Protein backbone atom coordinates (compact mmCIF):
# COMPACT_ATOMS: atom_id res chain seq x y z
CA UNK A 1 18.15 -41.42 -8.19
CA UNK A 2 17.99 -39.44 -11.64
CA UNK A 3 20.50 -36.82 -12.42
CA UNK A 4 17.78 -34.18 -11.98
CA UNK A 5 17.59 -35.04 -7.90
CA UNK A 6 20.64 -35.57 -7.28
CA UNK A 7 21.67 -31.60 -8.75
CA UNK A 8 18.81 -30.84 -6.30
CA UNK A 9 20.01 -32.21 -3.62
CA UNK A 10 22.96 -30.86 -3.72
CA UNK A 11 21.76 -27.50 -3.90
CA UNK A 12 21.79 -26.63 0.02
CA UNK A 13 20.59 -23.32 -0.45
CA UNK A 14 17.53 -23.98 -2.14
CA UNK A 15 17.13 -26.64 -0.04
CA UNK A 16 17.24 -24.94 2.89
CA UNK A 17 15.20 -21.75 1.02
CA UNK A 18 12.87 -23.68 -0.28
CA UNK A 19 11.74 -25.24 3.24
CA UNK A 20 11.99 -21.54 5.30
CA UNK A 21 9.55 -20.15 2.22
CA UNK A 22 6.80 -22.40 2.88
CA UNK A 23 7.10 -22.57 6.07
CA UNK A 24 6.21 -19.02 6.09
CA UNK A 25 3.37 -19.36 3.72
CA UNK A 26 2.25 -21.79 5.93
CA UNK A 27 1.88 -19.71 9.06
CA UNK A 28 0.17 -17.08 6.69
CA UNK A 29 -2.38 -19.16 5.36
CA UNK A 30 -3.12 -20.79 8.43
CA UNK A 31 -2.55 -17.33 10.34
CA UNK A 32 -5.73 -17.49 12.78
CA UNK A 33 -5.89 -21.02 13.42
CA UNK A 34 -2.13 -20.56 14.25
CA UNK A 35 -2.40 -17.44 16.44
CA UNK A 36 -3.15 -17.85 20.31
CA UNK A 37 -5.49 -14.43 20.62
CA UNK A 38 -6.60 -11.65 18.27
CA UNK A 39 -3.55 -9.61 16.96
CA UNK A 40 -6.09 -5.90 17.64
CA UNK A 41 -8.71 -7.36 19.42
CA UNK A 42 -7.33 -8.84 22.12
CA UNK A 43 -5.65 -5.40 24.32
CA UNK A 44 -5.10 -5.84 27.77
CA UNK A 45 -3.18 -2.77 29.12
CA UNK A 46 -2.74 -5.01 32.85
CA UNK A 47 -0.36 -6.99 30.80
CA UNK A 48 1.82 -4.94 28.45
CA UNK A 49 5.52 -4.83 27.72
CA UNK A 50 4.64 -8.16 29.88
CA UNK A 51 7.79 -9.52 28.54
CA UNK A 52 8.46 -13.79 27.29
CA UNK A 53 6.26 -16.76 28.94
CA UNK A 54 5.06 -19.05 28.93
CA UNK A 55 1.69 -17.53 28.70
CA UNK A 56 3.16 -14.35 26.05
CA UNK A 57 5.91 -16.62 23.62
CA UNK A 58 7.17 -13.39 22.73
CA UNK A 59 5.68 -11.12 25.18
CA UNK A 60 3.37 -7.96 24.35
CA UNK A 61 3.71 -4.85 23.19
CA UNK A 62 2.73 -1.68 25.05
CA UNK A 63 -0.92 -2.35 24.52
CA UNK A 64 -0.75 -5.59 25.92
CA UNK A 65 -1.32 -7.39 22.50
CA UNK A 66 0.26 -10.62 22.13
CA UNK A 67 3.02 -10.40 19.60
CA UNK A 68 3.77 -13.67 18.87
CA UNK A 69 -0.08 -13.17 17.30
CA UNK A 70 0.86 -9.94 15.39
CA UNK A 71 4.57 -11.36 14.26
CA UNK A 72 2.48 -14.60 12.47
CA UNK A 73 -1.11 -12.38 11.09
CA UNK A 74 1.91 -9.68 9.65
CA UNK A 75 2.78 -12.68 7.56
CA UNK A 76 0.14 -12.35 5.52
CA UNK A 77 0.71 -8.14 4.60
CA UNK A 78 4.67 -8.96 4.09
CA UNK A 79 3.27 -12.16 1.76
CA UNK A 80 0.72 -9.68 0.34
CA UNK A 81 2.88 -7.05 -0.05
CA UNK A 82 5.91 -9.28 -1.78
CA UNK A 83 4.08 -11.30 -4.22
CA UNK A 84 1.41 -8.51 -5.52
CA UNK A 85 3.88 -6.23 -6.31
CA UNK A 86 6.65 -8.27 -7.53
CA UNK A 87 3.97 -9.69 -9.97
CA UNK A 88 3.44 -5.50 -10.71
CA UNK A 89 7.02 -5.98 -11.40
CA UNK A 90 6.93 -8.88 -13.32
CA UNK A 91 4.54 -7.84 -15.76
CA UNK A 92 5.87 -4.60 -16.98
CA UNK A 93 9.46 -5.71 -17.29
CA UNK A 94 8.50 -8.43 -19.25
CA UNK A 95 6.20 -6.44 -21.50
CA UNK A 96 9.23 -3.66 -22.25
CA UNK A 97 11.54 -5.65 -22.21
CA UNK A 98 10.38 -8.58 -24.50
CA UNK A 99 9.38 -5.67 -26.74
CA UNK A 100 11.90 -3.73 -26.55
CA UNK A 101 14.22 -6.97 -27.81
CA UNK A 102 11.98 -8.66 -30.45
CA UNK A 103 11.24 -5.39 -32.14
CA UNK A 104 14.04 -3.08 -31.47
CA UNK A 105 14.70 0.31 -32.97
CA UNK A 106 13.56 3.81 -31.53
CA UNK A 107 11.44 1.30 -29.72
CA UNK A 108 14.11 0.14 -27.84
CA UNK A 109 15.94 2.70 -27.30
CA UNK A 110 13.22 4.22 -25.61
CA UNK A 111 13.11 1.36 -23.10
CA UNK A 112 16.52 1.28 -22.29
CA UNK A 113 16.28 5.01 -21.04
CA UNK A 114 13.46 4.72 -19.21
CA UNK A 115 15.63 1.86 -17.35
CA UNK A 116 18.67 3.22 -16.80
CA UNK A 117 16.50 6.22 -15.64
CA UNK A 118 14.66 3.89 -12.74
CA UNK A 119 17.92 2.18 -12.40
CA UNK A 120 19.42 5.65 -11.39
CA UNK A 121 17.26 6.12 -8.87
CA UNK A 122 17.19 4.06 -5.42
CA UNK A 123 14.27 2.53 -5.01
CA UNK A 124 13.29 3.84 -1.48
CA UNK A 125 13.83 7.58 -2.53
CA UNK A 126 10.93 6.43 -5.79
CA UNK A 127 8.85 4.63 -3.49
CA UNK A 128 8.35 7.51 -0.22
CA UNK A 129 8.32 10.12 -3.46
CA UNK A 130 5.76 7.82 -4.67
CA UNK A 131 4.00 7.21 -1.11
CA UNK A 132 3.82 10.83 -0.76
CA UNK A 133 2.25 12.02 -3.44
CA UNK A 134 -0.32 8.87 -2.14
CA UNK A 135 -0.41 9.05 1.59
CA UNK A 136 -0.28 6.32 3.50
CA UNK A 137 -2.12 3.24 3.39
CA UNK A 138 -1.95 -0.96 2.16
CA UNK A 139 -3.43 -0.13 -1.28
CA UNK A 140 -0.62 3.20 -1.55
CA UNK A 141 1.88 0.56 -0.91
CA UNK A 142 1.10 -1.90 -3.87
CA UNK A 143 1.13 1.07 -6.09
CA UNK A 144 4.56 3.10 -5.17
CA UNK A 145 6.19 -0.82 -5.24
CA UNK A 146 4.39 -2.37 -8.08
CA UNK A 147 6.23 0.07 -9.65
CA UNK A 148 9.39 0.62 -8.23
CA UNK A 149 12.00 -2.72 -9.54
CA UNK A 150 10.99 -3.46 -12.72
CA UNK A 151 13.42 -2.24 -14.34
CA UNK A 152 16.12 -5.66 -13.14
CA UNK A 153 13.35 -8.02 -15.44
CA UNK A 154 13.17 -5.63 -17.52
CA UNK A 155 16.90 -5.75 -18.88
CA UNK A 156 17.08 -9.27 -18.12
CA UNK A 157 13.70 -10.07 -20.93
CA UNK A 158 15.72 -7.94 -23.19
CA UNK A 159 18.80 -9.57 -23.71
CA UNK A 160 17.27 -12.81 -23.30
CA UNK A 161 14.97 -11.69 -26.24
CA UNK A 162 18.24 -10.87 -28.51
CA UNK A 163 19.66 -13.29 -28.46
CA UNK A 164 15.75 -15.93 -28.72
CA UNK A 165 14.72 -13.54 -31.90
CA UNK A 166 17.79 -15.18 -34.70
CA UNK A 167 17.34 -18.47 -33.89
CA UNK A 168 15.32 -20.87 -35.78
CA UNK A 169 12.82 -21.95 -33.77
CA UNK A 170 11.76 -18.03 -34.14
CA UNK A 171 12.74 -18.52 -37.67
CA UNK A 172 10.71 -21.15 -38.35
CA UNK A 173 7.69 -19.73 -36.24
CA UNK A 174 7.65 -16.92 -38.63
CA UNK A 175 7.85 -18.92 -41.70
CA UNK A 176 4.88 -21.18 -40.86
CA UNK A 177 3.39 -17.45 -40.25
CA UNK A 178 3.18 -16.45 -36.63
CA UNK A 179 2.34 -12.83 -35.68
CA UNK A 180 5.38 -11.04 -34.42
CA UNK A 181 2.96 -10.58 -31.01
CA UNK A 182 2.06 -14.63 -31.43
CA UNK A 183 5.86 -14.98 -31.29
CA UNK A 184 7.53 -13.68 -28.82
CA UNK A 185 4.54 -14.96 -26.16
CA UNK A 186 4.18 -18.18 -27.27
CA UNK A 187 7.80 -18.80 -29.14
CA UNK A 188 10.35 -16.17 -27.07
CA UNK A 189 8.52 -16.43 -23.77
CA UNK A 190 8.73 -19.77 -22.07
CA UNK A 191 12.03 -20.23 -23.61
CA UNK A 192 13.68 -17.30 -21.48
CA UNK A 193 11.45 -17.71 -18.38
CA UNK A 194 14.61 -19.23 -15.97
CA UNK A 195 15.80 -16.13 -15.35
CA UNK A 196 13.06 -14.06 -14.53
CA UNK A 197 11.87 -16.60 -12.20
CA UNK A 198 14.72 -16.28 -10.32
CA UNK A 199 14.66 -12.35 -10.44
CA UNK A 200 11.05 -12.18 -9.82
CA UNK A 201 12.05 -14.45 -6.32
CA UNK A 202 15.02 -12.75 -5.32
CA UNK A 203 12.35 -9.28 -5.72
CA UNK A 204 9.98 -10.91 -3.29
CA UNK A 205 11.96 -10.83 -0.87
CA UNK A 206 13.17 -7.54 -1.82
CA UNK A 207 9.29 -5.62 -1.94
CA UNK A 208 8.97 -7.12 2.04
CA UNK A 209 11.98 -5.34 3.13
CA UNK A 210 10.91 -2.17 1.48
CA UNK A 211 6.93 -2.79 2.84
CA UNK A 212 8.89 -3.15 6.16
CA UNK A 213 11.39 0.51 5.69
CA UNK A 214 8.02 1.76 4.71
CA UNK A 215 5.73 0.67 7.82
CA UNK A 216 8.65 1.61 9.45
CA UNK A 217 8.59 5.02 8.04
CA UNK A 218 4.76 5.31 8.99
CA UNK A 219 4.21 5.81 5.30
CA UNK A 220 3.11 1.31 5.08
CA UNK A 221 0.41 -0.36 6.41
CA UNK A 222 -1.49 1.92 9.26
CA UNK A 223 -1.72 0.96 12.83
CA UNK A 224 -3.91 -1.10 14.27
CA UNK A 225 -2.92 -3.80 11.03
CA UNK A 226 -0.06 -5.76 12.09
CA UNK A 227 3.00 -5.33 9.84
CA UNK A 228 6.80 -6.51 10.78
CA UNK A 229 7.74 -2.88 9.78
CA UNK A 230 4.30 -1.16 11.84
CA UNK A 231 5.47 -2.91 14.58
CA UNK A 232 9.52 -2.34 14.29
CA UNK A 233 8.64 1.52 14.33
CA UNK A 234 5.59 1.17 17.54
CA UNK A 235 8.56 -0.60 19.40
CA UNK A 236 11.26 2.00 19.05
CA UNK A 237 10.32 4.17 22.10
CA UNK A 238 10.83 0.38 24.22
CA UNK A 239 14.12 -0.73 22.61
CA UNK A 240 15.85 -1.41 25.77
CA UNK A 241 12.83 -0.80 28.08
CA UNK A 242 11.03 -3.51 26.63
CA UNK A 243 13.75 -5.14 23.49
CA UNK A 244 11.38 -7.87 22.76
CA UNK A 245 9.02 -6.14 21.52
CA UNK A 246 11.36 -4.87 18.18
CA UNK A 247 13.17 -8.46 18.26
CA UNK A 248 10.42 -10.74 17.21
CA UNK A 249 9.53 -8.85 14.55
CA UNK A 250 12.78 -7.59 12.92
CA UNK A 251 14.02 -11.57 13.71
CA UNK A 252 10.53 -12.35 11.46
CA UNK A 253 11.62 -10.03 8.93
CA UNK A 254 15.40 -11.48 8.63
CA UNK A 255 14.43 -15.29 8.78
CA UNK A 256 11.42 -14.40 5.90
CA UNK A 257 14.28 -12.39 3.36
CA UNK A 258 16.92 -14.31 3.74
CA UNK A 259 15.14 -17.89 2.84
CA UNK A 260 13.73 -16.28 0.03
CA UNK A 261 17.17 -15.12 -1.04
CA UNK A 262 18.33 -18.41 -0.39
CA UNK A 263 15.81 -19.73 -3.19
CA UNK A 264 16.39 -17.56 -5.97
CA UNK A 265 20.25 -18.24 -4.86
CA UNK A 266 19.34 -21.81 -5.84
CA UNK A 267 17.50 -21.32 -8.28
CA UNK A 268 19.60 -19.83 -9.57
CA UNK A 269 22.54 -21.85 -9.57
CA UNK A 270 20.09 -24.56 -11.29
CA UNK A 271 17.97 -22.21 -13.82
CA UNK A 272 20.73 -19.60 -15.10
CA UNK A 273 24.20 -19.91 -13.46
CA UNK A 274 26.02 -17.23 -15.93
CA UNK A 275 22.62 -14.64 -17.27
CA UNK A 276 21.32 -13.22 -13.89
CA UNK A 277 24.64 -12.52 -12.43
CA UNK A 278 26.13 -10.87 -15.63
CA UNK A 279 23.40 -8.77 -16.94
CA UNK A 280 22.70 -7.10 -12.39
CA UNK A 281 26.11 -6.55 -12.33
């Protein structure tokens, strides 16, 4: 067993978080095969608000739909939102941070000023403002959340680019006649991808949680599409009479976000044990 393998095995957070994340991804991919009922069409008011049983493991909601099937299909929505929105955020943050750190001068001042403005606005408030303008819906959720959380990635990328641009391999690339854009994306970016990957992993968990918040407020994914946040919102009136309607979607959100955060913490310990904490602090 080599040193790298031993180091990975010592990272309990990485292993536990990775297992949880892979399980949620598996459930999302094979939701159609795993769900015992259709999450929308198989509704029967004769069995509405049935408690958990051998027939309905997680019980049924107020329209007689199987909660287990809706939770399973809800994983697709949550993971899609988390991955796509964080992809947008990472692209924006990397491009702005890399160019600001590499070019400097007035562009650096402009990007850092814009980043500080974004950091001063709570993410949920900004997302709510965007959704208020665009209206509810899954596509608008992608737009709102995809423009909300790029500031941390931008700061980290900029700080890494500031350090990398003075290193020998960058000077060698300049001596070979490489252009600035080519140096940024072929020389600097591959060498600073570790901290960016950590923030991206944590950002997926953030996007899932924020999508659930928007859906809970009625601005996210609209019924009858199964969404964990939407299921929680619909279960508010049955919180005391049929608590299982809200318990299981809540557990799904908690486990998924916990797994992604543990996985991100494990990656941070392996790839970059100091930089991410310092920059975010």
